[in-house]
């Protein structure tokens, strides 16, 4: 009877040691997984910032493309400025008289 009891105790001790060993392994695996998750989250955050910067650059390029004058616009602007300069000259002449 004492032999059977000792065998049971030995089996329970072995199972307890095995469970403790598995627990340590699982805890290490969880720690590694948590570190990997933190690294991936940091990478994702960096990629989101990069995407935002690139989207902003795309918007700037779209605006710059829309604002780029063509040859006709440049000629019209020069004509308007020339007319304004002539009017300013007339006003200066009238004030000096």
N, C-alpha and C. Protein backbone atom coordinates (compact mmCIF):
# COMPACT_ATOMS: atom_id res chain seq x y z
N UNK A 1 0.83 -1.19 0.00
CA UNK A 1 0.00 0.00 0.00
C UNK A 1 0.87 1.25 0.00
N UNK A 2 1.90 1.25 0.82
CA UNK A 2 2.79 2.39 0.91
C UNK A 2 3.53 2.57 -0.40
N UNK A 3 3.83 1.44 -1.07
CA UNK A 3 4.51 1.51 -2.35
C UNK A 3 3.64 2.16 -3.41
N UNK A 4 2.36 1.82 -3.43
CA UNK A 4 1.44 2.42 -4.39
C UNK A 4 1.26 3.92 -4.12
N UNK A 5 1.18 4.24 -2.85
CA UNK A 5 1.03 5.65 -2.48
C UNK A 5 2.25 6.45 -2.91
N UNK A 6 3.43 5.87 -2.70
CA UNK A 6 4.66 6.54 -3.11
C UNK A 6 4.71 6.69 -4.63
N UNK A 7 4.24 5.66 -5.36
CA UNK A 7 4.20 5.74 -6.82
C UNK A 7 3.29 6.87 -7.29
N UNK A 8 2.13 6.97 -6.64
CA UNK A 8 1.19 8.05 -6.98
C UNK A 8 1.82 9.41 -6.71
N UNK A 9 2.47 9.54 -5.58
CA UNK A 9 3.12 10.81 -5.22
C UNK A 9 4.20 11.14 -6.25
N UNK A 10 4.97 10.13 -6.64
CA UNK A 10 6.03 10.35 -7.64
C UNK A 10 5.43 10.79 -8.98
N UNK A 11 4.31 10.14 -9.37
CA UNK A 11 3.64 10.52 -10.63
C UNK A 11 3.13 11.96 -10.56
N UNK A 12 2.54 12.30 -9.42
CA UNK A 12 2.00 13.66 -9.24
C UNK A 12 3.15 14.67 -9.27
N UNK A 13 4.28 14.35 -8.63
CA UNK A 13 5.43 15.24 -8.63
C UNK A 13 5.97 15.41 -10.06
N UNK A 14 6.01 14.32 -10.80
CA UNK A 14 6.50 14.38 -12.18
C UNK A 14 5.58 15.24 -13.04
N UNK A 15 4.29 15.04 -12.86
CA UNK A 15 3.32 15.84 -13.62
C UNK A 15 3.41 17.31 -13.22
N UNK A 16 3.59 17.58 -11.93
CA UNK A 16 3.74 18.96 -11.46
C UNK A 16 4.98 19.62 -12.06
N UNK A 17 6.07 18.85 -12.10
CA UNK A 17 7.32 19.38 -12.67
C UNK A 17 7.13 19.64 -14.16
N UNK A 18 6.44 18.72 -14.84
CA UNK A 18 6.18 18.90 -16.26
C UNK A 18 5.31 20.13 -16.51
N UNK A 19 4.29 20.30 -15.68
CA UNK A 19 3.41 21.47 -15.82
C UNK A 19 4.18 22.76 -15.56
N UNK A 20 5.05 22.76 -14.57
CA UNK A 20 5.86 23.95 -14.27
C UNK A 20 6.79 24.26 -15.43
N UNK A 21 7.37 23.22 -16.02
CA UNK A 21 8.26 23.40 -17.17
C UNK A 21 7.49 23.98 -18.37
N UNK A 22 6.32 23.42 -18.61
CA UNK A 22 5.49 23.92 -19.71
C UNK A 22 5.07 25.37 -19.47
N UNK A 23 4.76 25.68 -18.20
CA UNK A 23 4.36 27.05 -17.87
C UNK A 23 5.48 28.02 -18.17
N UNK A 24 6.70 27.68 -17.80
CA UNK A 24 7.86 28.54 -18.06
C UNK A 24 8.04 28.73 -19.56
N UNK A 25 7.91 27.65 -20.32
CA UNK A 25 8.06 27.74 -21.78
C UNK A 25 6.98 28.63 -22.38
N UNK A 26 5.75 28.46 -21.92
CA UNK A 26 4.64 29.28 -22.43
C UNK A 26 4.81 30.74 -22.06
N UNK A 27 5.31 31.00 -20.86
CA UNK A 27 5.53 32.38 -20.43
C UNK A 27 6.61 33.03 -21.29
N UNK A 28 7.67 32.29 -21.62
CA UNK A 28 8.72 32.82 -22.49
C UNK A 28 8.18 33.08 -23.90
N UNK A 29 7.36 32.14 -24.40
CA UNK A 29 6.78 32.31 -25.73
C UNK A 29 5.86 33.53 -25.76
N UNK A 30 5.11 33.74 -24.68
CA UNK A 30 4.22 34.91 -24.61
C UNK A 30 5.03 36.19 -24.58
N UNK A 31 6.12 36.20 -23.82
CA UNK A 31 6.97 37.37 -23.74
C UNK A 31 7.55 37.71 -25.13
N UNK A 32 8.00 36.69 -25.84
CA UNK A 32 8.53 36.90 -27.18
C UNK A 32 7.44 37.41 -28.13
N UNK A 33 6.25 36.85 -28.01
CA UNK A 33 5.14 37.29 -28.86
C UNK A 33 4.76 38.74 -28.55
N UNK A 34 4.77 39.10 -27.28
CA UNK A 34 4.48 40.49 -26.90
C UNK A 34 5.51 41.45 -27.47
N UNK A 35 6.78 41.05 -27.43
CA UNK A 35 7.84 41.90 -28.01
C UNK A 35 7.66 42.04 -29.51
N UNK A 36 7.32 40.93 -30.14
CA UNK A 36 7.12 40.96 -31.60
C UNK A 36 5.92 41.85 -31.95
N UNK A 37 4.87 41.77 -31.17
CA UNK A 37 3.69 42.61 -31.39
C UNK A 37 4.05 44.08 -31.23
N UNK A 38 4.83 44.41 -30.19
CA UNK A 38 5.24 45.80 -29.97
C UNK A 38 6.07 46.30 -31.14
N UNK A 39 6.99 45.46 -31.64
CA UNK A 39 7.81 45.85 -32.80
C UNK A 39 6.94 46.08 -34.03
N UNK A 40 5.99 45.18 -34.25
CA UNK A 40 5.11 45.32 -35.41
C UNK A 40 4.22 46.55 -35.30
N UNK A 41 3.75 46.85 -34.11
CA UNK A 41 2.93 48.05 -33.92
C UNK A 41 3.74 49.30 -34.20
N UNK A 42 5.00 49.31 -33.77
CA UNK A 42 5.87 50.46 -34.05
C UNK A 42 6.11 50.58 -35.55
N UNK A 43 6.30 49.46 -36.21
CA UNK A 43 6.49 49.48 -37.67
C UNK A 43 5.25 49.99 -38.36
N UNK A 44 4.09 49.55 -37.92
CA UNK A 44 2.82 50.00 -38.51
C UNK A 44 2.65 51.49 -38.32
N UNK A 45 2.96 51.99 -37.13
CA UNK A 45 2.85 53.43 -36.87
C UNK A 45 3.77 54.21 -37.80
N UNK A 46 4.99 53.72 -37.98
CA UNK A 46 5.93 54.38 -38.89
C UNK A 46 5.42 54.36 -40.32
N UNK A 47 4.85 53.25 -40.73
CA UNK A 47 4.30 53.15 -42.09
C UNK A 47 3.11 54.08 -42.28
N UNK A 48 2.29 54.22 -41.24
CA UNK A 48 1.16 55.16 -41.33
C UNK A 48 1.67 56.59 -41.51
N UNK A 49 2.72 56.96 -40.77
CA UNK A 49 3.29 58.30 -40.92
C UNK A 49 3.84 58.49 -42.34
N UNK A 50 4.49 57.47 -42.86
CA UNK A 50 5.03 57.55 -44.21
C UNK A 50 3.91 57.71 -45.22
N UNK A 51 2.84 56.96 -45.05
CA UNK A 51 1.69 57.07 -45.96
C UNK A 51 1.09 58.46 -45.90
N UNK A 52 0.95 59.02 -44.70
CA UNK A 52 0.41 60.37 -44.56
C UNK A 52 1.30 61.38 -45.26
N UNK A 53 2.62 61.25 -45.09
CA UNK A 53 3.56 62.16 -45.75
C UNK A 53 3.45 62.05 -47.27
N UNK A 54 3.38 60.83 -47.77
CA UNK A 54 3.27 60.63 -49.21
C UNK A 54 1.94 61.17 -49.75
N UNK A 55 0.86 60.97 -49.01
CA UNK A 55 -0.43 61.52 -49.44
C UNK A 55 -0.38 63.05 -49.47
N UNK A 56 0.29 63.65 -48.47
CA UNK A 56 0.43 65.10 -48.44
C UNK A 56 1.23 65.57 -49.65
N UNK A 57 2.30 64.86 -49.97
CA UNK A 57 3.10 65.22 -51.14
C UNK A 57 2.30 65.10 -52.42
N UNK A 58 1.46 64.08 -52.51
CA UNK A 58 0.60 63.92 -53.69
C UNK A 58 -0.33 65.12 -53.81
N UNK A 59 -0.91 65.54 -52.70
CA UNK A 59 -1.81 66.71 -52.74
C UNK A 59 -1.05 67.95 -53.18
N UNK A 60 0.16 68.15 -52.64
CA UNK A 60 0.96 69.30 -53.03
C UNK A 60 1.27 69.26 -54.53
N UNK A 61 1.60 68.09 -55.03
CA UNK A 61 1.90 67.97 -56.46
C UNK A 61 0.66 68.23 -57.30
N UNK A 62 -0.50 67.77 -56.83
CA UNK A 62 -1.74 68.04 -57.58
C UNK A 62 -2.01 69.54 -57.63
N UNK A 63 -1.84 70.21 -56.49
CA UNK A 63 -2.06 71.65 -56.44
C UNK A 63 -1.05 72.36 -57.33
N UNK A 64 0.20 71.95 -57.26
CA UNK A 64 1.24 72.59 -58.08
C UNK A 64 0.96 72.39 -59.55
N UNK A 65 0.47 71.23 -59.92
CA UNK A 65 0.16 70.96 -61.32
C UNK A 65 -1.00 71.84 -61.79
N UNK A 66 -1.99 71.99 -60.92
CA UNK A 66 -3.15 72.82 -61.28
C UNK A 66 -2.73 74.29 -61.38
N UNK A 67 -1.82 74.73 -60.51
CA UNK A 67 -1.42 76.12 -60.47
C UNK A 67 -0.37 76.48 -61.51
N UNK A 68 0.23 75.50 -62.14
CA UNK A 68 1.25 75.78 -63.14
C UNK A 68 0.59 76.46 -64.34
N UNK A 69 1.03 77.69 -64.64
CA UNK A 69 0.38 78.42 -65.74
C UNK A 69 0.86 77.89 -67.09
N UNK A 70 -0.05 77.99 -68.05
CA UNK A 70 0.38 77.65 -69.41
C UNK A 70 0.80 78.94 -70.12
N UNK A 71 1.22 78.84 -71.34
CA UNK A 71 1.77 79.98 -72.09
C UNK A 71 0.74 81.11 -72.24
N UNK A 72 -0.49 80.74 -72.48
CA UNK A 72 -1.55 81.73 -72.65
C UNK A 72 -1.77 82.53 -71.37
N UNK A 73 -1.78 81.85 -70.22
CA UNK A 73 -1.95 82.53 -68.94
C UNK A 73 -0.80 83.50 -68.67
N UNK A 74 0.41 83.11 -69.01
CA UNK A 74 1.57 83.97 -68.81
C UNK A 74 1.43 85.23 -69.66
N UNK A 75 1.04 85.09 -70.91
CA UNK A 75 0.87 86.24 -71.80
C UNK A 75 -0.23 87.17 -71.31
N UNK A 76 -1.35 86.59 -70.84
CA UNK A 76 -2.44 87.42 -70.32
C UNK A 76 -1.98 88.20 -69.09
N UNK A 77 -1.24 87.54 -68.20
CA UNK A 77 -0.76 88.20 -67.00
C UNK A 77 0.20 89.32 -67.35
N UNK A 78 1.08 89.09 -68.31
CA UNK A 78 2.01 90.14 -68.73
C UNK A 78 1.25 91.33 -69.31
N UNK A 79 0.23 91.07 -70.10
CA UNK A 79 -0.56 92.15 -70.68
C UNK A 79 -1.25 92.96 -69.59
N UNK A 80 -1.82 92.27 -68.61
CA UNK A 80 -2.50 92.96 -67.51
C UNK A 80 -1.51 93.81 -66.72
N UNK A 81 -0.34 93.23 -66.42
CA UNK A 81 0.67 93.99 -65.67
C UNK A 81 1.16 95.19 -66.47
N UNK A 82 1.34 95.03 -67.77
CA UNK A 82 1.78 96.16 -68.60
C UNK A 82 0.74 97.27 -68.58
N UNK A 83 -0.51 96.90 -68.68
CA UNK A 83 -1.59 97.90 -68.64
C UNK A 83 -1.60 98.61 -67.29
N UNK A 84 -1.42 97.87 -66.20
CA UNK A 84 -1.39 98.48 -64.87
C UNK A 84 -0.21 99.43 -64.73
N UNK A 85 0.95 99.06 -65.26
CA UNK A 85 2.12 99.93 -65.19
C UNK A 85 1.85 101.22 -65.98
N UNK A 86 1.20 101.14 -67.15
CA UNK A 86 0.87 102.34 -67.92
C UNK A 86 -0.08 103.24 -67.15
N UNK A 87 -1.08 102.65 -66.49
CA UNK A 87 -2.02 103.45 -65.71
C UNK A 87 -1.31 104.13 -64.54
N UNK A 88 -0.39 103.40 -63.87
CA UNK A 88 0.37 103.99 -62.77
C UNK A 88 1.22 105.15 -63.28
N UNK A 89 1.85 104.99 -64.44
CA UNK A 89 2.64 106.07 -65.05
C UNK A 89 1.77 107.29 -65.33
N UNK A 90 0.57 107.05 -65.85
CA UNK A 90 -0.35 108.17 -66.12
C UNK A 90 -0.68 108.90 -64.82
N UNK A 91 -0.97 108.12 -63.78
CA UNK A 91 -1.32 108.74 -62.50
C UNK A 91 -0.14 109.56 -61.95
N UNK A 92 1.05 109.04 -62.07
CA UNK A 92 2.24 109.76 -61.60
C UNK A 92 2.42 111.04 -62.39
N UNK A 93 2.22 110.99 -63.70
CA UNK A 93 2.33 112.19 -64.55
C UNK A 93 1.28 113.22 -64.14
N UNK A 94 0.06 112.78 -63.88
CA UNK A 94 -1.00 113.72 -63.52
C UNK A 94 -0.72 114.34 -62.15
N UNK A 95 -0.17 113.58 -61.23
CA UNK A 95 0.14 114.12 -59.91
C UNK A 95 1.31 115.11 -59.95
N UNK A 96 2.22 114.89 -60.86
CA UNK A 96 3.39 115.78 -60.94
C UNK A 96 3.06 117.09 -61.67
N UNK A 97 1.93 117.17 -62.36
CA UNK A 97 1.56 118.39 -63.08
C UNK A 97 0.99 119.41 -62.13
